[in-house]
Amino acid sequence: MWTWWHNDLGDHPTFGGDFEAALGAIRARTVILNAQTDSHFPPVDSEYEARHIPGAESRPIPTIWGHLAPFNTEDQGFIGAALRELLEG
């Protein structure tokens, strides 16, 4: 829990605490997947992060399963399709 609450990508000498600059330094193809109903990582957070990562996309999983969406068989199809698209791109 400590890492989750205190993890800050920008907390590095290269970025001097600038979270947005750290996100902007990411060069990997990026699709952020989280459930529309995820209360731990809500889509609004992912949309913010995607805006600061060059070429990134936030693609919320349409599910009622929240943070547990990856364990739902129906949601695994959505996740798998996004990952295949990302890796084939």
C-alpha atoms as a PDB file:
ATOM      1  CA  MET A   1       0.000   0.000   0.000  1.00  0.00           C
ATOM      2  CA  TRP A   2       2.839   2.401   0.779  1.00  0.00           C
ATOM      3  CA  THR A   3       4.209   2.076  -2.756  1.00  0.00           C
ATOM      4  CA  TRP A   4       0.757   2.626  -4.257  1.00  0.00           C
ATOM      5  CA  TRP A   5       0.107   5.769  -2.239  1.00  0.00           C
ATOM      6  CA  HIS A   6       3.629   7.196  -2.537  1.00  0.00           C
ATOM      7  CA  ASN A   7       4.706   6.094  -5.993  1.00  0.00           C
ATOM      8  CA  ASP A   8       5.384   9.190  -8.095  1.00  0.00           C
ATOM      9  CA  LEU A   9       6.815   8.745 -11.556  1.00  0.00           C
ATOM     10  CA  GLY A  10       8.132  12.311 -11.451  1.00  0.00           C
ATOM     11  CA  ASP A  11      10.022  11.774  -8.186  1.00  0.00           C
ATOM     12  CA  HIS A  12      13.311  11.271  -9.981  1.00  0.00           C
ATOM     13  CA  PRO A  13      16.277  13.610 -10.480  1.00  0.00           C
ATOM     14  CA  THR A  14      15.656  13.662 -14.243  1.00  0.00           C
ATOM     15  CA  PHE A  15      12.172  15.106 -13.803  1.00  0.00           C
ATOM     16  CA  GLY A  16      12.575  17.081 -10.586  1.00  0.00           C
ATOM     17  CA  GLY A  17       9.168  16.045  -9.287  1.00  0.00           C
ATOM     18  CA  ASP A  18       7.383  16.920 -12.551  1.00  0.00           C
ATOM     19  CA  PHE A  19       4.896  14.089 -13.032  1.00  0.00           C
ATOM     20  CA  GLU A  20       3.722  15.362 -16.418  1.00  0.00           C
ATOM     21  CA  ALA A  21       7.305  15.602 -17.712  1.00  0.00           C
ATOM     22  CA  ALA A  22       7.884  12.004 -16.638  1.00  0.00           C
ATOM     23  CA  LEU A  23       4.754  10.888 -18.487  1.00  0.00           C
ATOM     24  CA  GLY A  24       5.898  12.877 -21.519  1.00  0.00           C
ATOM     25  CA  ALA A  25       9.176  10.941 -21.554  1.00  0.00           C
ATOM     26  CA  ILE A  26       7.400   7.625 -22.171  1.00  0.00           C
ATOM     27  CA  ARG A  27       8.044   6.524 -25.759  1.00  0.00           C
ATOM     28  CA  ALA A  28       6.435   3.079 -25.777  1.00  0.00           C
ATOM     29  CA  ARG A  29       3.133   2.577 -27.589  1.00  0.00           C
ATOM     30  CA  THR A  30       0.634   2.942 -24.795  1.00  0.00           C
ATOM     31  CA  VAL A  31      -2.981   1.920 -24.280  1.00  0.00           C
ATOM     32  CA  ILE A  32      -4.217   2.382 -20.734  1.00  0.00           C
ATOM     33  CA  LEU A  33      -6.900  -0.171 -19.884  1.00  0.00           C
ATOM     34  CA  ASN A  34      -8.989   0.089 -16.774  1.00  0.00           C
ATOM     35  CA  ALA A  35     -12.626  -0.568 -16.024  1.00  0.00           C
ATOM     36  CA  GLN A  36     -15.194   2.175 -16.405  1.00  0.00           C
ATOM     37  CA  THR A  37     -16.279   1.226 -12.899  1.00  0.00           C
ATOM     38  CA  ASP A  38     -12.801   0.957 -11.333  1.00  0.00           C
ATOM     39  CA  SER A  39     -12.836   2.934  -8.089  1.00  0.00           C
ATOM     40  CA  HIS A  40      -9.088   2.384  -7.503  1.00  0.00           C
ATOM     41  CA  PHE A  41      -7.974   3.685 -10.918  1.00  0.00           C
ATOM     42  CA  PRO A  42     -10.893   5.644 -12.385  1.00  0.00           C
ATOM     43  CA  PRO A  43     -10.924   6.392 -16.124  1.00  0.00           C
ATOM     44  CA  VAL A  44     -10.595  10.129 -15.465  1.00  0.00           C
ATOM     45  CA  ASP A  45      -7.095   9.451 -14.089  1.00  0.00           C
ATOM     46  CA  SER A  46      -6.157   7.365 -17.115  1.00  0.00           C
ATOM     47  CA  GLU A  47      -7.447  10.036 -19.490  1.00  0.00           C
ATOM     48  CA  TYR A  48      -5.226  12.586 -17.742  1.00  0.00           C
ATOM     49  CA  GLU A  49      -2.199  10.304 -17.989  1.00  0.00           C
ATOM     50  CA  ALA A  50      -2.882   9.465 -21.655  1.00  0.00           C
ATOM     51  CA  ARG A  51      -3.012  13.187 -22.512  1.00  0.00           C
ATOM     52  CA  HIS A  52       0.574  13.518 -21.272  1.00  0.00           C
ATOM     53  CA  ILE A  53       2.047  10.366 -22.851  1.00  0.00           C
ATOM     54  CA  PRO A  54       2.831  10.936 -26.545  1.00  0.00           C
ATOM     55  CA  GLY A  55       0.412   8.954 -28.703  1.00  0.00           C
ATOM     56  CA  ALA A  56      -1.220   7.209 -25.736  1.00  0.00           C
ATOM     57  CA  GLU A  57      -4.842   6.220 -25.539  1.00  0.00           C
ATOM     58  CA  SER A  58      -7.110   5.586 -22.567  1.00  0.00           C
ATOM     59  CA  ARG A  59      -9.549   2.802 -23.408  1.00  0.00           C
ATOM     60  CA  PRO A  60     -11.908   2.058 -20.489  1.00  0.00           C
ATOM     61  CA  ILE A  61     -13.244  -1.479 -20.305  1.00  0.00           C
ATOM     62  CA  PRO A  62     -17.070  -1.403 -20.490  1.00  0.00           C
ATOM     63  CA  THR A  63     -17.810  -3.545 -17.439  1.00  0.00           C
ATOM     64  CA  ILE A  64     -19.494  -3.605 -14.064  1.00  0.00           C
ATOM     65  CA  TRP A  65     -16.615  -5.635 -12.594  1.00  0.00           C
ATOM     66  CA  GLY A  66     -14.562  -2.616 -11.527  1.00  0.00           C
ATOM     67  CA  HIS A  67     -10.967  -3.321 -10.509  1.00  0.00           C
ATOM     68  CA  LEU A  68     -11.589  -7.054 -10.968  1.00  0.00           C
ATOM     69  CA  ALA A  69     -12.400  -6.794 -14.694  1.00  0.00           C
ATOM     70  CA  PRO A  70      -9.300  -8.795 -15.752  1.00  0.00           C
ATOM     71  CA  PHE A  71     -10.762 -11.815 -13.923  1.00  0.00           C
ATOM     72  CA  ASN A  72     -14.073 -11.647 -15.802  1.00  0.00           C
ATOM     73  CA  THR A  73     -14.066 -13.893 -18.880  1.00  0.00           C
ATOM     74  CA  GLU A  74     -16.150 -11.448 -20.942  1.00  0.00           C
ATOM     75  CA  ASP A  75     -13.803  -8.567 -20.141  1.00  0.00           C
ATOM     76  CA  GLN A  76     -10.756 -10.654 -21.001  1.00  0.00           C
ATOM     77  CA  GLY A  77     -11.851 -10.560 -24.657  1.00  0.00           C
ATOM     78  CA  PHE A  78     -11.823  -6.740 -24.638  1.00  0.00           C
ATOM     79  CA  ILE A  79      -8.448  -6.686 -22.914  1.00  0.00           C
ATOM     80  CA  GLY A  80      -6.968  -9.304 -25.240  1.00  0.00           C
ATOM     81  CA  ALA A  81      -8.139  -7.457 -28.356  1.00  0.00           C
ATOM     82  CA  ALA A  82      -6.571  -4.216 -27.121  1.00  0.00           C
ATOM     83  CA  LEU A  83      -3.286  -5.958 -26.313  1.00  0.00           C
ATOM     84  CA  ARG A  84      -3.173  -7.699 -29.715  1.00  0.00           C
ATOM     85  CA  GLU A  85      -3.825  -4.384 -31.456  1.00  0.00           C
ATOM     86  CA  LEU A  86      -1.103  -2.697 -29.422  1.00  0.00           C
ATOM     87  CA  LEU A  87       1.483  -5.415 -30.005  1.00  0.00           C
ATOM     88  CA  GLU A  88       0.697  -5.799 -33.714  1.00  0.00           C
ATOM     89  CA  GLY A  89       0.816  -2.034 -34.297  1.00  0.00           C
END
